[in-house]
Amino acid sequence: EANLEKNLVSLYDDLCQGSYKIGRSVAFIITHPKIREVWAADFRDRVVHHVIYNAIRDRYERHFIRDNYACIPGRGTHDGLHRVSGFARSITESWSKTAYFMRADVANFFNSIDKNILIYLTNKLVHEEWVRNLIQQVILHDPRNNFSMRSPQHWFDKVPRHKSLLHAPAGKSLPIGNLTSQFFANIYMNELDQFIKHT
């Protein structure tokens, strides 16, 4: 914060010159509601994540189904609950008929994301070369190559191997904890959302 303006100008220059490089991540464990790894990008990189998000958000949100809630302003938990309640009331004709729902989950979602497929999906609507280059750099970046561990090793050992970025296969996974990871997950899952809703 003491050198905020200088740091932002330096970052701006790196972005304009194409010399921006991703810095060191911080890995730590959270235990609530369940144990999992979080990989937080350096503050400078988080600024770049917002640059990417602000550049592409509107064009992608127009293509998402209405009931996509993650990382979308105005569509948080309360909006989701309101929509589910409305659907339930409608399908049961104000609670007078029995209805059913299906609960589904994508197992180990963030660790199963294929980076090449994600790049292909982002390239569909991103045509500016500078944005494409930044997106590709963020997607292909492997934070395991340069990180600081902020939780004890025995906590990392408690994370199931298949849920750990430390053990993710090459070419797959996004780090939980970054704005871009959350938004890229929406782009990736939009293919399934569209199939379920329209097919």
N, C-alpha and C. Protein backbone atom coordinates (compact mmCIF):
# COMPACT_ATOMS: atom_id res chain seq x y z
N GLU A 1 0.82 -1.21 0.00
CA GLU A 1 0.00 0.00 0.00
C GLU A 1 0.86 1.25 0.00
N ALA A 2 2.02 1.18 0.62
CA ALA A 2 2.88 2.36 0.69
C ALA A 2 3.34 2.79 -0.70
N ASN A 3 3.45 1.84 -1.61
CA ASN A 3 3.89 2.15 -2.98
C ASN A 3 2.83 1.78 -4.01
N LEU A 4 1.58 2.00 -3.64
CA LEU A 4 0.47 1.56 -4.48
C LEU A 4 0.56 2.10 -5.90
N GLU A 5 0.72 3.41 -6.05
CA GLU A 5 0.74 4.00 -7.39
C GLU A 5 1.93 3.49 -8.21
N LYS A 6 3.09 3.43 -7.58
CA LYS A 6 4.29 2.94 -8.27
C LYS A 6 4.11 1.49 -8.71
N ASN A 7 3.53 0.67 -7.83
CA ASN A 7 3.31 -0.75 -8.16
C ASN A 7 2.31 -0.92 -9.29
N LEU A 8 1.24 -0.12 -9.27
CA LEU A 8 0.24 -0.22 -10.33
C LEU A 8 0.81 0.23 -11.68
N VAL A 9 1.61 1.30 -11.67
CA VAL A 9 2.23 1.77 -12.91
C VAL A 9 3.19 0.71 -13.44
N SER A 10 3.94 0.09 -12.54
CA SER A 10 4.87 -0.97 -12.95
C SER A 10 4.11 -2.14 -13.56
N LEU A 11 3.00 -2.54 -12.94
CA LEU A 11 2.18 -3.63 -13.47
C LEU A 11 1.60 -3.25 -14.83
N TYR A 12 1.10 -2.01 -14.94
CA TYR A 12 0.55 -1.52 -16.21
C TYR A 12 1.60 -1.60 -17.32
N ASP A 13 2.82 -1.15 -17.00
CA ASP A 13 3.89 -1.20 -17.99
C ASP A 13 4.18 -2.64 -18.42
N ASP A 14 4.23 -3.56 -17.44
CA ASP A 14 4.48 -4.97 -17.77
C ASP A 14 3.38 -5.53 -18.66
N LEU A 15 2.14 -5.17 -18.38
CA LEU A 15 1.02 -5.66 -19.19
C LEU A 15 1.10 -5.09 -20.61
N CYS A 16 1.40 -3.80 -20.72
CA CYS A 16 1.48 -3.16 -22.04
C CYS A 16 2.63 -3.72 -22.87
N GLN A 17 3.74 -4.04 -22.21
CA GLN A 17 4.92 -4.53 -22.93
C GLN A 17 4.88 -6.04 -23.13
N GLY A 18 3.90 -6.70 -22.54
CA GLY A 18 3.81 -8.16 -22.66
C GLY A 18 4.86 -8.89 -21.83
N SER A 19 5.38 -8.23 -20.80
CA SER A 19 6.43 -8.85 -19.97
C SER A 19 5.92 -9.30 -18.61
N TYR A 20 4.59 -9.25 -18.42
CA TYR A 20 4.01 -9.67 -17.15
C TYR A 20 4.25 -11.16 -16.91
N LYS A 21 4.69 -11.48 -15.70
CA LYS A 21 4.87 -12.87 -15.29
C LYS A 21 4.15 -13.08 -13.96
N ILE A 22 3.55 -14.24 -13.80
CA ILE A 22 2.82 -14.56 -12.58
C ILE A 22 3.79 -14.83 -11.45
N GLY A 23 3.46 -14.30 -10.28
CA GLY A 23 4.33 -14.41 -9.11
C GLY A 23 4.03 -15.64 -8.25
N ARG A 24 4.44 -15.53 -7.02
CA ARG A 24 4.38 -16.64 -6.07
C ARG A 24 3.00 -16.74 -5.42
N SER A 25 2.47 -17.95 -5.33
CA SER A 25 1.19 -18.19 -4.66
C SER A 25 1.41 -18.58 -3.21
N VAL A 26 0.35 -18.47 -2.43
CA VAL A 26 0.36 -18.90 -1.04
C VAL A 26 -0.64 -20.04 -0.91
N ALA A 27 -0.20 -21.17 -0.40
CA ALA A 27 -1.07 -22.33 -0.21
C ALA A 27 -1.34 -22.51 1.27
N PHE A 28 -2.61 -22.71 1.61
CA PHE A 28 -2.97 -22.96 3.00
C PHE A 28 -4.20 -23.84 3.05
N ILE A 29 -4.51 -24.32 4.24
CA ILE A 29 -5.63 -25.24 4.44
C ILE A 29 -6.74 -24.54 5.22
N ILE A 30 -7.97 -24.75 4.76
CA ILE A 30 -9.12 -24.36 5.58
C ILE A 30 -9.80 -25.65 6.02
N THR A 31 -10.45 -25.60 7.16
CA THR A 31 -11.05 -26.83 7.71
C THR A 31 -12.57 -26.77 7.78
N HIS A 32 -13.16 -25.62 7.50
CA HIS A 32 -14.62 -25.50 7.62
C HIS A 32 -15.21 -25.04 6.30
N PRO A 33 -16.25 -25.61 5.76
CA PRO A 33 -17.03 -26.70 6.33
C PRO A 33 -16.37 -28.06 6.18
N LYS A 34 -15.35 -28.17 5.31
CA LYS A 34 -14.57 -29.41 5.20
C LYS A 34 -13.15 -29.02 4.85
N ILE A 35 -12.24 -29.92 5.06
CA ILE A 35 -10.83 -29.61 4.83
C ILE A 35 -10.54 -29.51 3.34
N ARG A 36 -9.84 -28.44 2.94
CA ARG A 36 -9.44 -28.30 1.55
C ARG A 36 -8.30 -27.29 1.43
N GLU A 37 -7.61 -27.40 0.30
CA GLU A 37 -6.51 -26.48 0.01
C GLU A 37 -7.05 -25.21 -0.63
N VAL A 38 -6.40 -24.10 -0.31
CA VAL A 38 -6.66 -22.84 -0.99
C VAL A 38 -5.31 -22.34 -1.51
N TRP A 39 -5.31 -21.88 -2.74
CA TRP A 39 -4.10 -21.35 -3.36
C TRP A 39 -4.36 -19.90 -3.73
N ALA A 40 -3.84 -18.99 -2.93
CA ALA A 40 -4.08 -17.57 -3.14
C ALA A 40 -2.94 -16.96 -3.95
N ALA A 41 -3.32 -16.26 -4.98
CA ALA A 41 -2.32 -15.59 -5.83
C ALA A 41 -1.76 -14.38 -5.10
N ASP A 42 -0.59 -13.97 -5.53
CA ASP A 42 0.02 -12.74 -5.05
C ASP A 42 -0.92 -11.57 -5.35
N PHE A 43 -0.85 -10.51 -4.55
CA PHE A 43 -1.77 -9.38 -4.73
C PHE A 43 -1.69 -8.81 -6.15
N ARG A 44 -0.48 -8.69 -6.67
CA ARG A 44 -0.28 -8.16 -8.02
C ARG A 44 -1.03 -9.02 -9.04
N ASP A 45 -0.97 -10.33 -8.87
CA ASP A 45 -1.66 -11.24 -9.78
C ASP A 45 -3.17 -11.15 -9.62
N ARG A 46 -3.62 -10.88 -8.40
CA ARG A 46 -5.07 -10.74 -8.20
C ARG A 46 -5.60 -9.50 -8.92
N VAL A 47 -4.78 -8.46 -9.02
CA VAL A 47 -5.18 -7.29 -9.81
C VAL A 47 -5.36 -7.70 -11.26
N VAL A 48 -4.45 -8.51 -11.78
CA VAL A 48 -4.55 -8.99 -13.17
C VAL A 48 -5.79 -9.87 -13.34
N HIS A 49 -6.11 -10.68 -12.34
CA HIS A 49 -7.33 -11.49 -12.41
C HIS A 49 -8.55 -10.60 -12.59
N HIS A 50 -8.58 -9.48 -11.89
CA HIS A 50 -9.70 -8.54 -12.04
C HIS A 50 -9.69 -7.88 -13.43
N VAL A 51 -8.52 -7.61 -13.97
CA VAL A 51 -8.43 -7.07 -15.33
C VAL A 51 -9.08 -8.05 -16.31
N ILE A 52 -8.71 -9.32 -16.19
CA ILE A 52 -9.28 -10.35 -17.07
C ILE A 52 -10.79 -10.45 -16.87
N TYR A 53 -11.21 -10.56 -15.61
CA TYR A 53 -12.63 -10.70 -15.28
C TYR A 53 -13.44 -9.52 -15.84
N ASN A 54 -12.94 -8.31 -15.62
CA ASN A 54 -13.66 -7.12 -16.10
C ASN A 54 -13.71 -7.07 -17.63
N ALA A 55 -12.68 -7.61 -18.29
CA ALA A 55 -12.64 -7.59 -19.75
C ALA A 55 -13.61 -8.59 -20.38
N ILE A 56 -13.88 -9.70 -19.70
CA ILE A 56 -14.68 -10.76 -20.35
C ILE A 56 -16.02 -11.04 -19.69
N ARG A 57 -16.23 -10.54 -18.49
CA ARG A 57 -17.42 -10.92 -17.71
C ARG A 57 -18.72 -10.73 -18.47
N ASP A 58 -18.95 -9.53 -19.00
CA ASP A 58 -20.25 -9.24 -19.63
C ASP A 58 -20.54 -10.16 -20.81
N ARG A 59 -19.55 -10.39 -21.63
CA ARG A 59 -19.80 -11.20 -22.84
C ARG A 59 -20.14 -12.65 -22.48
N TYR A 60 -19.57 -13.15 -21.38
CA TYR A 60 -19.87 -14.53 -20.97
C TYR A 60 -21.17 -14.63 -20.20
N GLU A 61 -21.43 -13.68 -19.32
CA GLU A 61 -22.65 -13.76 -18.52
C GLU A 61 -23.89 -13.76 -19.41
N ARG A 62 -23.84 -13.11 -20.55
CA ARG A 62 -24.96 -13.12 -21.49
C ARG A 62 -25.24 -14.51 -22.02
N HIS A 63 -24.24 -15.38 -22.00
CA HIS A 63 -24.38 -16.74 -22.53
C HIS A 63 -24.67 -17.78 -21.46
N PHE A 64 -24.57 -17.39 -20.19
CA PHE A 64 -24.86 -18.33 -19.11
C PHE A 64 -26.36 -18.47 -18.93
N ILE A 65 -26.80 -19.63 -18.42
CA ILE A 65 -28.20 -19.77 -18.09
C ILE A 65 -28.51 -18.86 -16.90
N ARG A 66 -29.77 -18.51 -16.73
CA ARG A 66 -30.16 -17.61 -15.64
C ARG A 66 -29.78 -18.18 -14.28
N ASP A 67 -29.81 -19.48 -14.15
CA ASP A 67 -29.56 -20.08 -12.85
C ASP A 67 -28.11 -20.50 -12.65
N ASN A 68 -27.22 -19.70 -13.15
CA ASN A 68 -25.79 -19.80 -12.84
C ASN A 68 -25.53 -18.71 -11.80
N TYR A 69 -25.05 -19.08 -10.62
CA TYR A 69 -24.96 -18.12 -9.52
C TYR A 69 -23.55 -17.76 -9.10
N ALA A 70 -22.59 -18.62 -9.34
CA ALA A 70 -21.25 -18.41 -8.80
C ALA A 70 -20.58 -17.20 -9.42
N CYS A 71 -20.10 -16.31 -8.57
CA CYS A 71 -19.24 -15.21 -9.02
C CYS A 71 -19.97 -14.21 -9.91
N ILE A 72 -21.30 -14.14 -9.81
CA ILE A 72 -22.07 -13.21 -10.63
C ILE A 72 -22.78 -12.22 -9.70
N PRO A 73 -22.47 -10.94 -9.83
CA PRO A 73 -23.09 -9.94 -8.95
C PRO A 73 -24.62 -10.02 -9.00
N GLY A 74 -25.24 -9.99 -7.82
CA GLY A 74 -26.69 -10.04 -7.73
C GLY A 74 -27.27 -11.43 -7.78
N ARG A 75 -26.41 -12.45 -7.97
CA ARG A 75 -26.90 -13.82 -8.05
C ARG A 75 -26.22 -14.69 -7.01
N GLY A 76 -26.32 -14.32 -5.79
CA GLY A 76 -25.69 -15.09 -4.72
C GLY A 76 -26.63 -16.13 -4.14
N THR A 77 -26.33 -16.51 -2.92
CA THR A 77 -27.10 -17.56 -2.23
C THR A 77 -28.56 -17.18 -2.08
N HIS A 78 -28.83 -15.94 -1.69
CA HIS A 78 -30.23 -15.52 -1.47
C HIS A 78 -31.03 -15.58 -2.76
N ASP A 79 -30.42 -15.14 -3.86
CA ASP A 79 -31.11 -15.20 -5.15
C ASP A 79 -31.39 -16.65 -5.53
N GLY A 80 -30.42 -17.53 -5.30
CA GLY A 80 -30.61 -18.95 -5.60
C GLY A 80 -31.74 -19.56 -4.77
N LEU A 81 -31.76 -19.24 -3.48
CA LEU A 81 -32.84 -19.75 -2.61
C LEU A 81 -34.20 -19.24 -3.06
N HIS A 82 -34.27 -17.98 -3.44
CA HIS A 82 -35.52 -17.38 -3.91
C HIS A 82 -36.01 -18.10 -5.18
N ARG A 83 -35.08 -18.37 -6.11
CA ARG A 83 -35.45 -19.06 -7.35
C ARG A 83 -35.90 -20.49 -7.08
N VAL A 84 -35.17 -21.23 -6.24
CA VAL A 84 -35.54 -22.61 -5.92
C VAL A 84 -36.91 -22.65 -5.27
N SER A 85 -37.15 -21.72 -4.36
CA SER A 85 -38.44 -21.66 -3.69
C SER A 85 -39.57 -21.42 -4.71
N GLY A 86 -39.33 -20.52 -5.66
CA GLY A 86 -40.33 -20.24 -6.69
C GLY A 86 -40.58 -21.46 -7.58
N PHE A 87 -39.50 -22.15 -7.96
CA PHE A 87 -39.66 -23.36 -8.78
C PHE A 87 -40.44 -24.43 -8.02
N ALA A 88 -40.10 -24.60 -6.75
CA ALA A 88 -40.78 -25.62 -5.93
C ALA A 88 -42.25 -25.30 -5.79
N ARG A 89 -42.57 -24.04 -5.55
CA ARG A 89 -43.97 -23.64 -5.40
C ARG A 89 -44.73 -23.87 -6.70
N SER A 90 -44.07 -23.58 -7.84
CA SER A 90 -44.71 -23.74 -9.14
C SER A 90 -44.97 -25.22 -9.46
N ILE A 91 -43.96 -26.05 -9.32
CA ILE A 91 -44.07 -27.46 -9.71
C ILE A 91 -45.02 -28.23 -8.79
N THR A 92 -45.15 -27.79 -7.54
CA THR A 92 -46.05 -28.48 -6.60
C THR A 92 -47.42 -27.82 -6.56
N GLU A 93 -47.61 -26.80 -7.41
CA GLU A 93 -48.87 -26.03 -7.41
C GLU A 93 -49.19 -25.59 -5.99
N SER A 94 -48.28 -24.77 -5.47
CA SER A 94 -48.37 -24.22 -4.10
C SER A 94 -48.45 -25.32 -3.05
N TRP A 95 -47.57 -26.27 -3.18
CA TRP A 95 -47.37 -27.33 -2.19
C TRP A 95 -48.52 -28.34 -2.14
N SER A 96 -49.35 -28.41 -3.19
CA SER A 96 -50.47 -29.35 -3.17
C SER A 96 -50.14 -30.67 -3.88
N LYS A 97 -49.03 -30.74 -4.58
CA LYS A 97 -48.64 -31.96 -5.28
C LYS A 97 -47.22 -32.36 -4.89
N THR A 98 -46.93 -33.64 -5.01
CA THR A 98 -45.58 -34.15 -4.74
C THR A 98 -44.67 -33.82 -5.91
N ALA A 99 -43.46 -33.47 -5.60
CA ALA A 99 -42.46 -33.20 -6.64
C ALA A 99 -41.13 -33.81 -6.21
N TYR A 100 -40.23 -33.93 -7.16
CA TYR A 100 -38.93 -34.53 -6.89
C TYR A 100 -37.83 -33.62 -7.43
N PHE A 101 -36.67 -33.76 -6.85
CA PHE A 101 -35.52 -33.03 -7.35
C PHE A 101 -34.32 -33.96 -7.36
N MET A 102 -33.34 -33.57 -8.14
CA MET A 102 -32.10 -34.35 -8.20
C MET A 102 -30.96 -33.48 -7.68
N ARG A 103 -30.20 -34.03 -6.76
CA ARG A 103 -29.02 -33.35 -6.27
C ARG A 103 -27.82 -33.99 -6.95
N ALA A 104 -26.99 -33.19 -7.59
CA ALA A 104 -25.83 -33.73 -8.31
C ALA A 104 -24.61 -32.87 -8.00
N ASP A 105 -23.46 -33.47 -8.15
CA ASP A 105 -22.21 -32.78 -7.90
C ASP A 105 -21.17 -33.32 -8.86
N VAL A 106 -20.28 -32.46 -9.30
CA VAL A 106 -19.17 -32.91 -10.14
C VAL A 106 -18.01 -33.23 -9.20
N ALA A 107 -17.63 -34.49 -9.16
CA ALA A 107 -16.59 -34.92 -8.23
C ALA A 107 -15.26 -34.27 -8.55
N ASN A 108 -14.63 -33.72 -7.52
CA ASN A 108 -13.28 -33.14 -7.66
C ASN A 108 -13.21 -32.15 -8.83
N PHE A 109 -14.20 -31.28 -8.91
CA PHE A 109 -14.38 -30.44 -10.09
C PHE A 109 -13.14 -29.64 -10.48
N PHE A 110 -12.62 -28.84 -9.55
CA PHE A 110 -11.50 -27.97 -9.91
C PHE A 110 -10.27 -28.77 -10.34
N ASN A 111 -10.06 -29.91 -9.73
CA ASN A 111 -8.90 -30.73 -10.10
C ASN A 111 -9.11 -31.52 -11.38
N SER A 112 -10.34 -31.56 -11.88
CA SER A 112 -10.60 -32.32 -13.11
C SER A 112 -10.72 -31.43 -14.34
N ILE A 113 -10.64 -30.13 -14.18
CA ILE A 113 -10.77 -29.21 -15.32
C ILE A 113 -9.58 -29.39 -16.26
N ASP A 114 -9.88 -29.67 -17.53
CA ASP A 114 -8.85 -29.84 -18.54
C ASP A 114 -8.46 -28.45 -19.06
N LYS A 115 -7.20 -28.08 -18.90
CA LYS A 115 -6.76 -26.72 -19.25
C LYS A 115 -6.89 -26.42 -20.74
N ASN A 116 -6.62 -27.41 -21.59
CA ASN A 116 -6.73 -27.18 -23.03
C ASN A 116 -8.17 -26.95 -23.46
N ILE A 117 -9.10 -27.70 -22.87
CA ILE A 117 -10.52 -27.49 -23.17
C ILE A 117 -10.94 -26.11 -22.70
N LEU A 118 -10.49 -25.71 -21.52
CA LEU A 118 -10.84 -24.39 -20.99
C LEU A 118 -10.31 -23.28 -21.90
N ILE A 119 -9.09 -23.40 -22.38
CA ILE A 119 -8.55 -22.39 -23.30
C ILE A 119 -9.40 -22.33 -24.56
N TYR A 120 -9.78 -23.48 -25.09
CA TYR A 120 -10.65 -23.53 -26.27
C TYR A 120 -11.97 -22.79 -26.01
N LEU A 121 -12.57 -23.04 -24.84
CA LEU A 121 -13.85 -22.41 -24.50
C LEU A 121 -13.71 -20.90 -24.31
N THR A 122 -12.62 -20.46 -23.70
CA THR A 122 -12.45 -19.01 -23.51
C THR A 122 -12.17 -18.32 -24.85
N ASN A 123 -11.50 -19.01 -25.75
CA ASN A 123 -11.19 -18.40 -27.05
C ASN A 123 -12.43 -18.19 -27.92
N LYS A 124 -13.52 -18.87 -27.59
CA LYS A 124 -14.76 -18.72 -28.37
C LYS A 124 -15.26 -17.28 -28.38
N LEU A 125 -15.16 -16.60 -27.25
CA LEU A 125 -15.70 -15.24 -27.15
C LEU A 125 -14.64 -14.18 -26.91
N VAL A 126 -13.40 -14.58 -26.74
CA VAL A 126 -12.33 -13.60 -26.51
C VAL A 126 -11.49 -13.51 -27.78
N HIS A 127 -11.51 -12.34 -28.41
CA HIS A 127 -10.81 -12.17 -29.68
C HIS A 127 -9.61 -11.23 -29.57
N GLU A 128 -9.54 -10.47 -28.48
CA GLU A 128 -8.41 -9.56 -28.29
C GLU A 128 -7.19 -10.37 -27.89
N GLU A 129 -6.10 -10.19 -28.62
CA GLU A 129 -4.91 -11.01 -28.38
C GLU A 129 -4.34 -10.81 -26.97
N TRP A 130 -4.35 -9.58 -26.48
CA TRP A 130 -3.76 -9.33 -25.15
C TRP A 130 -4.55 -10.04 -24.05
N VAL A 131 -5.88 -10.10 -24.20
CA VAL A 131 -6.70 -10.79 -23.20
C VAL A 131 -6.49 -12.30 -23.32
N ARG A 132 -6.46 -12.80 -24.55
CA ARG A 132 -6.21 -14.23 -24.77
C ARG A 132 -4.87 -14.66 -24.15
N ASN A 133 -3.85 -13.85 -24.36
CA ASN A 133 -2.53 -14.17 -23.82
C ASN A 133 -2.54 -14.22 -22.30
N LEU A 134 -3.22 -13.24 -21.68
CA LEU A 134 -3.30 -13.23 -20.21
C LEU A 134 -4.08 -14.45 -19.71
N ILE A 135 -5.21 -14.73 -20.34
CA ILE A 135 -6.03 -15.88 -19.93
C ILE A 135 -5.22 -17.17 -20.05
N GLN A 136 -4.53 -17.33 -21.17
CA GLN A 136 -3.75 -18.55 -21.36
C GLN A 136 -2.64 -18.66 -20.33
N GLN A 137 -1.99 -17.54 -20.01
CA GLN A 137 -0.93 -17.57 -19.01
C GLN A 137 -1.48 -17.99 -17.65
N VAL A 138 -2.65 -17.45 -17.28
CA VAL A 138 -3.26 -17.78 -15.98
C VAL A 138 -3.70 -19.24 -15.96
N ILE A 139 -4.33 -19.71 -17.03
CA ILE A 139 -4.81 -21.10 -17.06
C ILE A 139 -3.65 -22.09 -17.02
N LEU A 140 -2.62 -21.83 -17.78
CA LEU A 140 -1.51 -22.77 -17.87
C LEU A 140 -0.53 -22.68 -16.71
N HIS A 141 -0.63 -21.61 -15.93
CA HIS A 141 0.28 -21.44 -14.79
C HIS A 141 0.09 -22.56 -13.77
N ASP A 142 1.17 -23.12 -13.32
CA ASP A 142 1.14 -24.16 -12.30
C ASP A 142 1.71 -23.57 -11.01
N PRO A 143 0.85 -23.22 -10.06
CA PRO A 143 1.34 -22.57 -8.83
C PRO A 143 2.24 -23.46 -7.99
N ARG A 144 2.24 -24.77 -8.26
CA ARG A 144 3.09 -25.69 -7.51
C ARG A 144 4.57 -25.44 -7.75
N ASN A 145 4.89 -24.72 -8.83
CA ASN A 145 6.29 -24.45 -9.15
C ASN A 145 6.88 -23.31 -8.33
N ASN A 146 6.03 -22.51 -7.69
CA ASN A 146 6.52 -21.37 -6.92
C ASN A 146 5.46 -20.96 -5.91
N PHE A 147 5.54 -21.53 -4.70
CA PHE A 147 4.54 -21.20 -3.70
C PHE A 147 5.12 -21.24 -2.30
N SER A 148 4.40 -20.58 -1.42
CA SER A 148 4.75 -20.58 0.00
C SER A 148 3.66 -21.35 0.74
N MET A 149 4.06 -22.30 1.56
CA MET A 149 3.11 -23.11 2.31
C MET A 149 2.85 -22.44 3.65
N ARG A 150 1.60 -22.03 3.91
CA ARG A 150 1.27 -21.28 5.12
C ARG A 150 0.56 -22.11 6.18
N SER A 151 0.34 -23.37 5.91
CA SER A 151 -0.23 -24.28 6.91
C SER A 151 0.76 -25.41 7.12
N PRO A 152 0.71 -26.04 8.29
CA PRO A 152 1.64 -27.15 8.54
C PRO A 152 1.45 -28.29 7.54
N GLN A 153 2.53 -28.98 7.24
CA GLN A 153 2.50 -30.09 6.29
C GLN A 153 1.47 -31.14 6.68
N HIS A 154 1.30 -31.41 7.98
CA HIS A 154 0.36 -32.46 8.38
C HIS A 154 -1.08 -32.09 8.04
N TRP A 155 -1.39 -30.79 7.91
CA TRP A 155 -2.72 -30.40 7.45
C TRP A 155 -2.89 -30.72 5.97
N PHE A 156 -1.85 -30.43 5.17
CA PHE A 156 -1.90 -30.77 3.75
C PHE A 156 -2.05 -32.27 3.56
N ASP A 157 -1.43 -33.04 4.44
CA ASP A 157 -1.50 -34.50 4.36
C ASP A 157 -2.92 -35.01 4.62
N LYS A 158 -3.75 -34.22 5.30
CA LYS A 158 -5.12 -34.64 5.60
C LYS A 158 -6.07 -34.42 4.42
N VAL A 159 -5.66 -33.61 3.44
CA VAL A 159 -6.50 -33.39 2.26
C VAL A 159 -6.46 -34.65 1.41
N PRO A 160 -7.63 -35.21 1.06
CA PRO A 160 -7.62 -36.41 0.21
C PRO A 160 -6.81 -36.16 -1.07
N ARG A 161 -6.02 -37.13 -1.43
CA ARG A 161 -5.08 -36.98 -2.57
C ARG A 161 -5.80 -36.51 -3.84
N HIS A 162 -6.97 -37.06 -4.12
CA HIS A 162 -7.69 -36.70 -5.34
C HIS A 162 -8.28 -35.29 -5.30
N LYS A 163 -8.27 -34.66 -4.11
CA LYS A 163 -8.78 -33.30 -3.99
C LYS A 163 -7.65 -32.28 -3.84
N SER A 164 -6.43 -32.73 -3.91
CA SER A 164 -5.27 -31.87 -3.69
C SER A 164 -4.65 -31.41 -4.99
N LEU A 165 -4.45 -30.11 -5.13
CA LEU A 165 -3.76 -29.58 -6.29
C LEU A 165 -2.32 -30.08 -6.33
N LEU A 166 -1.77 -30.34 -5.16
CA LEU A 166 -0.40 -30.86 -5.11
C LEU A 166 -0.25 -32.18 -5.87
N HIS A 167 -1.36 -32.91 -6.01
CA HIS A 167 -1.31 -34.22 -6.66
C HIS A 167 -2.13 -34.26 -7.96
N ALA A 168 -2.53 -33.10 -8.45
CA ALA A 168 -3.34 -33.06 -9.68
C ALA A 168 -2.51 -33.48 -10.88
N PRO A 169 -3.13 -34.16 -11.84
CA PRO A 169 -2.38 -34.58 -13.03
C PRO A 169 -1.98 -33.38 -13.88
N ALA A 170 -0.93 -33.54 -14.64
CA ALA A 170 -0.46 -32.47 -15.54
C ALA A 170 -1.56 -32.12 -16.54
N GLY A 171 -1.69 -30.84 -16.81
CA GLY A 171 -2.68 -30.39 -17.79
C GLY A 171 -4.08 -30.25 -17.25
N LYS A 172 -4.24 -30.52 -15.95
CA LYS A 172 -5.57 -30.39 -15.35
C LYS A 172 -5.48 -29.60 -14.06
N SER A 173 -6.61 -29.04 -13.65
CA SER A 173 -6.80 -28.35 -12.38
C SER A 173 -6.66 -26.84 -12.46
N LEU A 174 -7.47 -26.19 -11.65
CA LEU A 174 -7.36 -24.76 -11.40
C LEU A 174 -7.23 -24.58 -9.89
N PRO A 175 -6.45 -23.60 -9.46
CA PRO A 175 -6.29 -23.40 -8.02
C PRO A 175 -7.55 -22.80 -7.39
N ILE A 176 -8.04 -23.44 -6.33
CA ILE A 176 -9.18 -22.89 -5.60
C ILE A 176 -8.68 -21.67 -4.84
N GLY A 177 -9.37 -20.55 -4.99
CA GLY A 177 -8.99 -19.34 -4.27
C GLY A 177 -8.79 -18.13 -5.16
N ASN A 178 -8.80 -18.31 -6.48
CA ASN A 178 -8.61 -17.17 -7.38
C ASN A 178 -9.93 -16.80 -8.07
N LEU A 179 -10.15 -15.51 -8.26
CA LEU A 179 -11.34 -15.03 -8.98
C LEU A 179 -11.41 -15.67 -10.36
N THR A 180 -10.29 -15.74 -11.07
CA THR A 180 -10.32 -16.31 -12.42
C THR A 180 -10.72 -17.78 -12.38
N SER A 181 -10.27 -18.52 -11.38
CA SER A 181 -10.66 -19.93 -11.28
C SER A 181 -12.16 -20.07 -11.14
N GLN A 182 -12.75 -19.24 -10.31
CA GLN A 182 -14.20 -19.30 -10.11
C GLN A 182 -14.94 -18.97 -11.41
N PHE A 183 -14.49 -17.91 -12.09
CA PHE A 183 -15.19 -17.51 -13.30
C PHE A 183 -14.94 -18.49 -14.44
N PHE A 184 -13.70 -18.98 -14.56
CA PHE A 184 -13.41 -19.99 -15.60
C PHE A 184 -14.23 -21.26 -15.36
N ALA A 185 -14.48 -21.58 -14.09
CA ALA A 185 -15.32 -22.75 -13.78
C ALA A 185 -16.73 -22.54 -14.32
N ASN A 186 -17.25 -21.31 -14.26
CA ASN A 186 -18.56 -21.02 -14.84
C ASN A 186 -18.54 -21.25 -16.35
N ILE A 187 -17.48 -20.80 -17.01
CA ILE A 187 -17.36 -20.98 -18.46
C ILE A 187 -17.33 -22.47 -18.80
N TYR A 188 -16.56 -23.21 -18.04
CA TYR A 188 -16.40 -24.65 -18.27
C TYR A 188 -17.72 -25.39 -18.07
N MET A 189 -18.42 -25.08 -16.98
CA MET A 189 -19.68 -25.76 -16.66
C MET A 189 -20.84 -25.28 -17.51
N ASN A 190 -20.70 -24.13 -18.17
CA ASN A 190 -21.78 -23.62 -19.00
C ASN A 190 -22.15 -24.61 -20.10
N GLU A 191 -21.18 -25.36 -20.57
CA GLU A 191 -21.47 -26.37 -21.61
C GLU A 191 -22.48 -27.40 -21.09
N LEU A 192 -22.29 -27.85 -19.86
CA LEU A 192 -23.21 -28.81 -19.25
C LEU A 192 -24.54 -28.14 -18.92
N ASP A 193 -24.49 -26.92 -18.39
CA ASP A 193 -25.73 -26.18 -18.08
C ASP A 193 -26.60 -26.05 -19.32
N GLN A 194 -26.01 -25.67 -20.44
CA GLN A 194 -26.78 -25.49 -21.67
C GLN A 194 -27.36 -26.82 -22.15
N PHE A 195 -26.57 -27.89 -22.05
CA PHE A 195 -27.05 -29.20 -22.48
C PHE A 195 -28.25 -29.64 -21.64
N ILE A 196 -28.13 -29.49 -20.31
CA ILE A 196 -29.21 -29.91 -19.42
C ILE A 196 -30.47 -29.09 -19.66
N LYS A 197 -30.31 -27.78 -19.81
CA LYS A 197 -31.47 -26.91 -19.95
C LYS A 197 -32.15 -27.07 -21.30
N HIS A 198 -31.39 -27.22 -22.37
CA HIS A 198 -31.97 -27.17 -23.71
C HIS A 198 -32.07 -28.53 -24.41
N THR A 199 -31.31 -29.50 -23.97
CA THR A 199 -31.32 -30.81 -24.63
C THR A 199 -31.93 -31.89 -23.75
